[in-house]
Structures are given as structure tokens and as C-alpha cells.
Amino acid sequence: MDDINARFVVVGAGPAGCSAAKVLIEMNHADDVLLIGREETLAYERPPLSKTSLLEEQQAPQFLSEALWLEEHHAKTLLGTAVTAVNADEQYVLTAQNQKIYYEKLLLTVGADPRKLNIAGENLDSVFTIRDFADAQKLKPLLRMGKKLIVVGNGFIGLEVAATAKQLGLDVTVIGLTERVMSRTMPLEVSQVFESKFAEHGVKFVFNSSLQAIQGTEHVESVVLQNGEVLDADIVVIGIGAYPNSERISGIGHLLSNGIAVNQNGQTLDPNIFAAGDVANRATDFANEQFNLRLEAWEPAREQGRAVAEFMSNQTNVDLTAPWMWSDQFDWNLQAIGYGHLASKQILLGSQADAKFTILQLKDNGQLVGAITVNNGKDMTLCRRALKNNLCFDYVELKQNTHMNLKQILTLAKTEVAQ
């Protein structure tokens, strides 16, 4: 098998990789760029996999616009190919077929894979994680035949699958390690309304627990909780987060730290190696705070891919917008933007009782660092603008005016951030 040479090599054909490859071609030349993907296809919409893909008849995934553009422009791709190693000294990647692909600049966008429980019974036929279209297609018919579903994980993926399964008529129990749903990313007020919503639909929760074992011969018959309690089950779906796929690649151990450690421009300690998307643990500077953050979200991956590709092409510093994510559960919509983990205070606008509200997340000095909307998506455009403009508020004043809508509240913003 002959070696290949390319000026830019992108490893990983998901949202970050396809977005990056498109920009690299636009700013350079199609012959300069090679996109390598582990799957047989280019990037497609993954958020529907835990929702509409399980409800609707779908013969093929919905491909991203960047992927369609790459096909239309006959981009050079190597799909169905896993990269197993990087030789940084000689500047090549090695594929599972022992083919060497030499690069001048390397961008790793290899994403993340679902975490597993590593317990007895996890390999039974009706135990699932959902990463790709094939996973959703295998799960879909079982949801229509099954009666009892156990979902392990009470974050976004777990709740989305639980809501979908309940709409199909299954008996659903959600088991989570934490004391409330979405506790790692959402404040108490959000957890409370979603727990009530799921309870109204008959979804049961087991908090502060996990599975000790999954029982059955070929298919799932029951699960055993940590306290020894046994629950009947036909299907188990595991949604407990993801681990970065950088662990699959040898030769880059010196670049790893909860994924691949990169600076704000997506560049590693090796000036010729970059990373973007779910695998990138990126140095971030926001609201006078410096921190490293690895995001497992769809839109931030696409944006990072585009921005890092621009830097690789012309060395223009990366300037990313605040990360945004969303989740649809039953007929409800949840959106979040920014860096809520920096917040020490919050203001709730709207009605928690009606499950339609917006939460503004603030630092001690009143600077806005994040925002959340529950069934109030029209506010998100204003929240985006407010974060971009580094708005600051007097917290006491906000507390006195929570009867105002968001547009009115934003008129109370201060022009300077208090130090």
C-alpha cells in the first residue's frame, strides 16, 4: 500500500472534521486537504438519533451541509479508515491498514465514544449505547416490541431516549448516579420542572444509584441495582457520557489531558498538530477567567472546526462565540449558552410553575456568563447578543425587577464590568 502525502490531514469526519475540511479547501486548494474518517460516511445530524430517528422511518441519516459541500466539490477523503498512531517526528499518521499518510499540518477531530458500565451482562443483544445512525436503527424495532426500558444516565441523552420511548408506550425507568436530572449542567430549577414533566408522563426515576449487573441469557431480562434490588427489563440504554477518542491513538500521549490539550487556537504543544471538537480540551479565556474545557456538543464542534482551520491557513487568532447546546424532551425545549460553571448567582425570569422561563447566570461582579431557556427559545437570540457584549448587571436591581421580560432587563445592563 503506497504512502500518501497531503499538506493538511484531518483525522475524523464528524462535524468538526467536515467543517474544518471545507474551510481548508476554501482557503487553500482541494488537493492540499485529505479527510480521513473511521465511519463509512461523512458527518450527519446526530442529535436526532436519540429522538426523531427512533420515532420516524428513516432510510439514511441527514447529512450536514458541510458534508454535502465536500461531496459536491470532490474533496479527497479516506473513509472507513481508522488512524491508530501519529509519528510526530516524521510527521505521518498510521492507519489500521499500516498505510502511512504524511502531513505538514495535522488536525485531529476524532470525537468521543459513549462510556460503558463495564458490568456483567453489558454485551447482551438488547443493551445499547447510541453514537451513530446504525445504533439508532438497531434500537428502533426493539422499542416497538419491548415493554420495559431501563435507561442508565439522567443527563440529556438518557432523558431524550426516555421521553421517546415513553411516547412509544414503553414502561420507562431512568437510573442516575446523581440526586437529580441534568445536575452536572443545569441548576435545580431546571431539574425540578423536567422531573415533574417526566413524572406526569409516567417515567420513573431512581436517583443516587447505578447498575450492578444486567441479567439474561441472550436478551435482557432484568437489571440489578447497586443496593441489590432487581428490576424487570427488556431493553437497556446506557447514556452516561463519553470518553475522548484520543485514547485510541498511540504516539500522542504527551499531548493528552482529558482529551487533547490545545491552546485557544486549537494548537497543541506540537506546532504542527491541532485538535477540535469533542476531543479537544481547549484553553479558554472568558470573563477574566482562564480555564480548560472539553465540550461534547454539536454546534461548538462545528464552530471549532471552522475556526481552527482558519488559523491553520492564515494564523489568525481564533475568536469563538460562547458555546450553545439544546435538548428536546417530549414537547419541551431546553437551550443553554455560555459558561454557566463560572456563575455564582442567577436570576429567573418568567414562570417556573408554567415551565416557561429564562435563567441569567452571573459572576459575583454581575457579569453575565451564561443563560438557559426552558420553552422560551425566543429569548436565546437576546442571550447570545448579551454574552457577546460582555454585559454586566447590578444583582440587587435585577432581583427587584424579575417581573420584567428579558428585553426590558437588558436595558438595565451596566457599561463596565465591576472588578
Protein backbone atom coordinates (compact mmCIF):
# COMPACT_ATOMS: atom_id res chain seq x y z
CA MET A 1 0.00 0.00 0.00
CA ASP A 2 1.53 3.27 -1.12
CA ASP A 3 2.20 6.15 1.25
CA ILE A 4 0.17 9.35 0.83
CA ASN A 5 1.30 12.94 1.19
CA ALA A 6 -1.00 15.88 1.95
CA ARG A 7 -0.40 19.40 3.15
CA PHE A 8 -3.37 19.26 5.55
CA VAL A 9 -4.58 15.96 7.02
CA VAL A 10 -7.82 15.96 9.01
CA VAL A 11 -8.48 12.80 11.05
CA GLY A 12 -12.14 12.46 11.94
CA ALA A 13 -15.02 13.12 9.52
CA GLY A 14 -17.64 14.25 12.04
CA PRO A 15 -19.00 17.80 12.39
CA ALA A 16 -15.67 19.34 13.40
CA GLY A 17 -13.70 17.49 10.74
CA CYS A 18 -16.07 18.21 7.86
CA SER A 19 -16.38 21.87 8.84
CA ALA A 20 -12.59 22.14 9.02
CA ALA A 21 -12.02 20.36 5.70
CA LYS A 22 -14.44 22.70 3.94
CA VAL A 23 -12.63 25.79 5.25
CA LEU A 24 -9.19 24.36 4.47
CA ILE A 25 -10.24 23.71 0.87
CA GLU A 26 -11.82 27.14 0.50
CA MET A 27 -8.73 28.90 1.86
CA ASN A 28 -6.18 26.69 0.13
CA HIS A 29 -6.83 24.06 -2.55
CA ALA A 30 -8.75 20.80 -2.71
CA ASP A 31 -5.58 18.86 -3.49
CA ASP A 32 -3.99 20.18 -0.28
CA VAL A 33 -6.54 18.51 2.02
CA LEU A 34 -7.17 14.88 2.93
CA LEU A 35 -10.07 13.98 5.25
CA ILE A 36 -9.88 10.59 6.99
CA GLY A 37 -12.95 9.09 8.69
CA ARG A 38 -13.46 5.99 10.81
CA GLU A 39 -17.06 5.62 9.64
CA GLU A 40 -18.08 4.88 6.05
CA THR A 41 -19.87 8.23 5.67
CA LEU A 42 -19.20 11.91 6.19
CA ALA A 43 -20.83 13.89 9.02
CA TYR A 44 -24.57 13.69 9.58
CA GLU A 45 -27.00 15.07 12.13
CA ARG A 46 -26.51 13.17 15.39
CA PRO A 47 -28.91 15.00 17.76
CA PRO A 48 -31.97 13.26 16.19
CA LEU A 49 -30.51 9.81 16.95
CA SER A 50 -31.95 9.81 20.47
CA LYS A 51 -35.21 11.44 19.39
CA THR A 52 -36.85 11.59 15.95
CA SER A 53 -34.67 8.85 14.44
CA LEU A 54 -36.26 6.44 16.93
CA LEU A 55 -39.79 7.59 16.06
CA GLU A 56 -39.75 8.05 12.29
CA GLU A 57 -38.98 5.83 9.34
CA GLN A 58 -35.57 6.91 8.08
CA GLN A 59 -33.54 5.04 5.50
CA ALA A 60 -30.45 7.23 5.78
CA PRO A 61 -29.16 9.94 8.11
CA GLN A 62 -29.48 13.63 7.28
CA PHE A 63 -26.05 14.75 6.17
CA LEU A 64 -24.58 18.08 7.24
CA SER A 65 -24.36 20.85 4.69
CA GLU A 66 -20.57 20.75 5.02
CA ALA A 67 -20.55 17.05 4.13
CA LEU A 68 -22.72 17.66 1.06
CA TRP A 69 -20.41 20.50 0.03
CA LEU A 70 -17.36 18.24 0.33
CA GLU A 71 -19.00 15.64 -1.89
CA GLU A 72 -20.06 18.22 -4.47
CA HIS A 73 -16.50 19.56 -4.62
CA HIS A 74 -14.95 16.09 -4.84
CA ALA A 75 -12.90 16.51 -1.68
CA LYS A 76 -10.19 13.92 -1.12
CA THR A 77 -11.44 11.51 1.55
CA LEU A 78 -10.40 8.20 3.04
CA LEU A 79 -13.47 6.78 4.77
CA GLY A 80 -13.89 3.57 6.73
CA THR A 81 -10.31 4.07 7.87
CA ALA A 82 -9.11 4.22 11.45
CA VAL A 83 -5.91 6.04 12.41
CA THR A 84 -4.02 4.11 15.07
CA ALA A 85 -0.85 6.16 15.56
CA VAL A 86 0.82 9.51 14.98
CA ASN A 87 4.55 9.85 14.37
CA ALA A 88 5.13 13.50 15.22
CA ASP A 89 8.87 13.41 14.46
CA GLU A 90 8.43 12.16 10.90
CA GLN A 91 5.02 13.84 10.53
CA TYR A 92 2.81 10.98 9.44
CA VAL A 93 -0.25 9.13 10.72
CA LEU A 94 -0.54 5.36 10.53
CA THR A 95 -3.82 3.70 9.60
CA ALA A 96 -5.14 0.34 10.77
CA GLN A 97 -4.07 -0.98 7.34
CA ASN A 98 -0.47 0.14 8.08
CA GLN A 99 -0.59 2.89 5.49
CA LYS A 100 1.49 5.99 6.20
CA ILE A 101 -0.07 9.36 5.46
CA TYR A 102 2.38 12.26 5.68
CA TYR A 103 1.26 15.74 6.66
CA GLU A 104 2.53 19.28 7.05
CA LYS A 105 -0.32 20.19 9.39
CA LEU A 106 -2.46 17.62 11.21
CA LEU A 107 -5.92 18.28 12.66
CA LEU A 108 -7.39 15.65 15.00
CA THR A 109 -11.18 15.74 15.19
CA VAL A 110 -11.73 12.16 16.29
CA GLY A 111 -14.62 12.93 18.64
CA ALA A 112 -15.75 10.85 21.59
CA ASP A 113 -17.38 7.45 22.10
CA PRO A 114 -20.07 6.51 24.65
CA ARG A 115 -18.84 5.37 28.04
CA LYS A 116 -19.72 1.87 29.17
CA LEU A 117 -20.57 0.50 32.59
CA ASN A 118 -18.14 -2.47 32.46
CA ILE A 119 -20.53 -4.79 34.29
CA ALA A 120 -21.79 -8.32 33.76
CA GLY A 121 -24.41 -8.61 31.03
CA GLU A 122 -23.45 -5.44 29.20
CA ASN A 123 -22.85 -7.39 25.99
CA LEU A 124 -26.35 -8.84 25.77
CA ASP A 125 -28.19 -8.19 22.50
CA SER A 126 -30.69 -5.68 23.86
CA VAL A 127 -28.16 -3.39 25.61
CA PHE A 128 -27.41 -0.22 23.67
CA THR A 129 -25.41 2.95 23.56
CA ILE A 130 -26.30 5.48 20.87
CA ARG A 131 -23.45 7.01 18.92
CA ASP A 132 -24.27 6.54 15.25
CA PHE A 133 -27.16 6.01 12.87
CA ALA A 134 -26.70 2.25 12.91
CA ASP A 135 -27.16 2.19 16.70
CA ALA A 136 -30.46 4.05 16.40
CA GLN A 137 -31.66 1.76 13.60
CA LYS A 138 -30.94 -1.35 15.69
CA LEU A 139 -32.69 0.08 18.75
CA LYS A 140 -35.79 1.35 16.91
CA PRO A 141 -37.55 -2.01 16.24
CA LEU A 142 -36.84 -3.23 19.78
CA LEU A 143 -38.52 -0.15 21.23
CA ARG A 144 -41.64 -1.07 19.27
CA MET A 145 -41.60 -4.65 20.53
CA GLY A 146 -40.32 -4.09 24.06
CA LYS A 147 -42.32 -3.36 27.18
CA LYS A 148 -39.84 -2.32 29.85
CA LEU A 149 -36.90 0.01 29.23
CA ILE A 150 -34.15 0.83 31.69
CA VAL A 151 -32.19 3.99 30.88
CA VAL A 152 -28.88 4.39 32.70
CA GLY A 153 -27.94 8.05 32.92
CA ASN A 154 -30.17 11.03 33.71
CA GLY A 155 -28.41 13.60 31.52
CA PHE A 156 -29.51 14.85 28.10
CA ILE A 157 -29.11 11.63 26.11
CA GLY A 158 -30.76 9.46 28.75
CA LEU A 159 -33.74 11.78 29.13
CA GLU A 160 -34.19 12.17 25.37
CA VAL A 161 -34.30 8.39 24.91
CA ALA A 162 -36.63 8.02 27.90
CA ALA A 163 -39.05 10.60 26.52
CA THR A 164 -39.02 8.99 23.07
CA ALA A 165 -39.62 5.51 24.48
CA LYS A 166 -42.48 6.74 26.64
CA GLN A 167 -44.14 8.18 23.54
CA LEU A 168 -43.94 4.68 22.06
CA GLY A 169 -45.75 3.27 25.08
CA LEU A 170 -42.93 1.61 26.99
CA ASP A 171 -42.62 1.34 30.77
CA VAL A 172 -39.53 3.51 31.39
CA THR A 173 -37.25 3.75 34.42
CA VAL A 174 -34.28 6.15 34.45
CA ILE A 175 -31.37 5.33 36.77
CA GLY A 176 -28.83 8.03 37.59
CA LEU A 177 -25.79 8.42 39.81
CA THR A 178 -26.81 11.92 40.82
CA GLU A 179 -29.56 13.26 43.08
CA ARG A 180 -31.49 14.98 40.26
CA VAL A 181 -31.70 15.04 36.47
CA MET A 182 -29.11 17.01 34.47
CA SER A 183 -27.41 18.02 37.74
CA ARG A 184 -23.96 18.38 36.17
CA THR A 185 -25.06 21.07 33.74
CA MET A 186 -28.38 22.54 34.89
CA PRO A 187 -29.49 24.40 38.04
CA LEU A 188 -32.07 22.98 40.43
CA GLU A 189 -34.99 24.91 38.93
CA VAL A 190 -34.50 23.25 35.54
CA SER A 191 -34.18 19.78 37.08
CA GLN A 192 -37.37 20.26 39.08
CA VAL A 193 -39.61 21.15 36.15
CA PHE A 194 -38.25 18.35 33.96
CA GLU A 195 -38.64 15.77 36.71
CA SER A 196 -42.27 16.85 37.11
CA LYS A 197 -42.81 16.66 33.34
CA PHE A 198 -41.42 13.12 33.15
CA ALA A 199 -43.39 12.02 36.21
CA GLU A 200 -46.61 13.28 34.58
CA HIS A 201 -45.85 11.00 31.64
CA GLY A 202 -45.25 8.04 33.93
CA VAL A 203 -41.44 7.86 33.75
CA LYS A 204 -39.92 6.54 36.97
CA PHE A 205 -36.60 7.72 38.43
CA VAL A 206 -34.03 6.03 40.61
CA PHE A 207 -31.51 8.58 41.89
CA ASN A 208 -28.09 8.13 43.50
CA SER A 209 -27.78 4.66 42.02
CA SER A 210 -26.37 2.65 39.12
CA LEU A 211 -26.42 -0.90 37.83
CA GLN A 212 -24.52 -3.73 39.45
CA ALA A 213 -25.35 -6.21 36.70
CA ILE A 214 -27.61 -6.88 33.71
CA GLN A 215 -29.22 -10.31 33.71
CA GLY A 216 -30.43 -12.52 30.88
CA THR A 217 -29.39 -15.31 28.54
CA GLU A 218 -29.29 -13.79 25.05
CA HIS A 219 -31.54 -10.80 25.73
CA VAL A 220 -32.03 -8.61 28.78
CA GLU A 221 -34.43 -10.00 31.37
CA SER A 222 -33.67 -7.83 34.41
CA VAL A 223 -31.15 -5.47 35.96
CA VAL A 224 -29.63 -5.43 39.43
CA LEU A 225 -29.22 -2.08 41.20
CA GLN A 226 -26.34 -1.22 43.50
CA ASN A 227 -28.49 -1.98 46.54
CA GLY A 228 -29.36 -5.42 45.19
CA GLU A 229 -32.87 -4.57 44.02
CA VAL A 230 -33.89 -6.35 40.82
CA LEU A 231 -35.98 -4.61 38.13
CA ASP A 232 -37.54 -6.40 35.16
CA ALA A 233 -36.35 -5.12 31.78
CA ASP A 234 -36.47 -5.91 28.07
CA ILE A 235 -34.06 -3.22 26.88
CA VAL A 236 -31.25 -1.22 28.49
CA VAL A 237 -29.91 2.02 27.02
CA ILE A 238 -26.72 3.43 28.54
CA GLY A 239 -26.20 7.18 28.32
CA ILE A 240 -23.53 8.12 30.85
CA GLY A 241 -21.35 10.46 28.85
CA ALA A 242 -18.44 9.92 26.51
CA TYR A 243 -14.68 9.49 26.56
CA PRO A 244 -12.38 11.22 24.05
CA ASN A 245 -11.16 9.01 21.22
CA SER A 246 -7.62 10.33 21.57
CA GLU A 247 -7.04 7.27 23.76
CA ARG A 248 -7.28 5.11 20.63
CA ILE A 249 -4.25 6.75 19.01
CA SER A 250 -0.68 6.00 20.05
CA GLY A 251 2.16 8.49 19.78
CA ILE A 252 0.30 11.49 21.21
CA GLY A 253 0.44 10.68 24.90
CA HIS A 254 2.44 13.84 25.59
CA LEU A 255 -0.43 15.92 24.16
CA LEU A 256 -3.21 14.38 26.27
CA SER A 257 -5.08 15.85 29.21
CA ASN A 258 -8.75 14.85 29.32
CA GLY A 259 -8.62 14.64 25.55
CA ILE A 260 -6.06 16.53 23.51
CA ALA A 261 -4.85 19.69 25.25
CA VAL A 262 -4.85 22.72 22.94
CA ASN A 263 -4.47 26.45 23.25
CA GLN A 264 -7.17 28.94 22.24
CA ASN A 265 -6.24 28.45 18.58
CA GLY A 266 -6.63 24.68 18.75
CA GLN A 267 -2.85 24.13 18.60
CA THR A 268 -1.11 21.51 20.72
CA LEU A 269 2.39 21.62 22.17
CA ASP A 270 3.46 20.35 18.77
CA PRO A 271 3.01 23.37 16.45
CA ASN A 272 2.03 21.11 13.53
CA ILE A 273 -0.71 19.21 15.37
CA PHE A 274 -4.15 20.67 16.14
CA ALA A 275 -7.42 19.40 17.62
CA ALA A 276 -11.05 20.49 17.54
CA GLY A 277 -14.45 19.21 18.60
CA ASP A 278 -15.33 16.74 21.35
CA VAL A 279 -11.74 15.55 21.68
CA ALA A 280 -10.20 19.00 22.22
CA ASN A 281 -9.58 20.18 25.79
CA ARG A 282 -9.29 23.84 24.88
CA ALA A 283 -7.70 26.67 26.84
CA THR A 284 -10.43 29.28 27.22
CA ASP A 285 -10.37 32.88 28.39
CA PHE A 286 -13.76 34.33 29.28
CA ALA A 287 -14.92 36.96 31.77
CA ASN A 288 -11.37 37.38 33.11
CA GLU A 289 -11.21 33.65 33.85
CA GLN A 290 -8.78 31.17 32.33
CA PHE A 291 -9.76 27.51 32.23
CA ASN A 292 -9.58 24.40 30.09
CA LEU A 293 -12.81 22.96 28.76
CA ARG A 294 -13.70 19.95 26.62
CA LEU A 295 -17.18 20.30 25.13
CA GLU A 296 -19.34 17.41 23.97
CA ALA A 297 -21.81 19.38 21.92
CA TRP A 298 -22.79 19.60 18.28
CA GLU A 299 -22.61 23.27 17.32
CA PRO A 300 -19.40 24.05 19.27
CA ALA A 301 -17.68 21.19 17.40
CA ARG A 302 -18.65 22.65 14.02
CA GLU A 303 -17.53 26.12 15.05
CA GLN A 304 -14.23 24.92 16.46
CA GLY A 305 -13.53 23.01 13.25
CA ARG A 306 -14.12 26.11 11.14
CA ALA A 307 -12.10 28.42 13.38
CA VAL A 308 -9.09 26.13 13.84
CA ALA A 309 -8.96 25.51 10.08
CA GLU A 310 -8.78 29.27 9.53
CA PHE A 311 -5.91 29.52 11.99
CA MET A 312 -4.08 26.64 10.28
CA SER A 313 -4.45 28.50 6.98
CA ASN A 314 -3.59 32.08 7.90
CA GLN A 315 -2.57 32.18 11.60
CA THR A 316 -5.45 34.48 12.50
CA ASN A 317 -6.27 34.02 16.19
CA VAL A 318 -9.43 32.05 16.90
CA ASP A 319 -12.36 34.01 18.32
CA LEU A 320 -15.22 31.65 19.17
CA THR A 321 -18.71 32.58 20.24
CA ALA A 322 -19.98 31.23 23.56
CA PRO A 323 -20.91 27.54 23.25
CA TRP A 324 -24.58 26.75 22.70
CA MET A 325 -26.48 23.50 23.14
CA TRP A 326 -30.09 22.33 23.15
CA SER A 327 -32.23 19.34 24.07
CA ASP A 328 -35.79 18.39 23.09
CA GLN A 329 -37.63 16.19 25.60
CA PHE A 330 -41.29 15.35 24.94
CA ASP A 331 -42.71 18.62 23.60
CA TRP A 332 -40.34 20.74 25.67
CA ASN A 333 -37.25 22.61 24.54
CA LEU A 334 -34.18 23.37 26.66
CA GLN A 335 -31.34 25.61 25.49
CA ALA A 336 -28.16 26.81 27.20
CA ILE A 337 -25.37 29.14 26.17
CA GLY A 338 -22.12 30.29 27.74
CA TYR A 339 -20.08 29.10 30.68
CA GLY A 340 -22.56 28.58 33.47
CA HIS A 341 -19.96 26.87 35.66
CA LEU A 342 -18.41 30.30 36.26
CA ALA A 343 -21.63 31.68 37.76
CA SER A 344 -22.24 32.20 41.46
CA LYS A 345 -25.64 33.90 41.14
CA GLN A 346 -28.66 33.61 38.90
CA ILE A 347 -31.90 35.40 38.05
CA LEU A 348 -35.03 33.59 36.87
CA LEU A 349 -37.34 35.47 34.51
CA GLY A 350 -40.75 34.04 33.69
CA SER A 351 -42.71 31.26 35.34
CA GLN A 352 -41.24 28.09 36.76
CA ALA A 353 -44.80 26.93 37.52
CA ASP A 354 -45.70 27.27 33.82
CA ALA A 355 -42.35 25.77 32.76
CA LYS A 356 -41.56 28.76 30.58
CA PHE A 357 -38.62 30.79 31.82
CA THR A 358 -35.14 32.15 31.23
CA ILE A 359 -32.25 31.98 33.70
CA LEU A 360 -29.41 34.51 33.59
CA GLN A 361 -26.18 33.24 35.17
CA LEU A 362 -23.88 35.85 36.72
CA LYS A 363 -20.49 36.11 38.38
CA ASP A 364 -20.10 37.85 41.73
CA ASN A 365 -19.31 41.10 39.92
CA GLY A 366 -22.56 40.88 37.98
CA GLN A 367 -21.07 39.88 34.63
CA LEU A 368 -23.30 37.65 32.55
CA VAL A 369 -21.53 34.33 31.85
CA GLY A 370 -24.36 32.05 30.80
CA ALA A 371 -28.07 31.72 30.11
CA ILE A 372 -30.67 28.96 29.99
CA THR A 373 -34.12 28.96 28.38
CA VAL A 374 -36.89 26.46 29.10
CA ASN A 375 -39.65 26.57 26.47
CA ASN A 376 -38.61 30.16 25.84
CA GLY A 377 -36.34 29.87 22.83
CA LYS A 378 -37.16 33.36 21.56
CA ASP A 379 -35.03 34.72 24.40
CA MET A 380 -31.93 32.87 23.23
CA THR A 381 -31.12 35.34 20.45
CA LEU A 382 -31.06 38.15 23.02
CA CYS A 383 -28.95 36.00 25.36
CA ARG A 384 -26.40 35.36 22.62
CA ARG A 385 -26.08 39.08 21.95
CA ALA A 386 -25.82 39.90 25.65
CA LEU A 387 -22.99 37.40 26.19
CA LYS A 388 -21.12 38.66 23.14
CA ASN A 389 -21.33 42.21 24.52
CA ASN A 390 -19.99 41.20 27.96
CA LEU A 391 -22.96 42.74 29.76
CA CYS A 392 -22.87 43.33 33.50
CA PHE A 393 -25.75 43.91 35.96
CA ASP A 394 -26.46 45.03 39.47
CA TYR A 395 -27.72 41.81 41.04
CA VAL A 396 -29.88 43.57 43.65
CA GLU A 397 -31.52 45.64 40.94
CA LEU A 398 -32.25 42.52 38.90
CA LYS A 399 -33.80 40.78 41.91
CA GLN A 400 -36.17 43.72 42.26
CA ASN A 401 -37.25 43.57 38.62
CA THR A 402 -37.82 39.91 37.83
CA HIS A 403 -41.34 40.84 36.68
CA MET A 404 -39.73 42.38 33.57
CA ASN A 405 -39.19 40.43 30.37
CA LEU A 406 -35.67 39.82 29.07
CA LYS A 407 -35.70 42.72 26.62
CA GLN A 408 -36.54 45.10 29.47
CA ILE A 409 -33.98 43.51 31.78
CA LEU A 410 -31.20 44.05 29.25
CA THR A 411 -31.81 47.81 29.40
CA LEU A 412 -30.55 47.64 33.00
CA ALA A 413 -27.12 46.41 31.91
CA LYS A 414 -24.06 48.36 33.05
CA THR A 415 -21.47 49.51 30.54
CA GLU A 416 -18.49 48.41 32.63
CA VAL A 417 -17.78 45.21 34.48
CA ALA A 418 -17.13 45.73 38.18
CA GLN A 419 -13.74 44.42 39.29
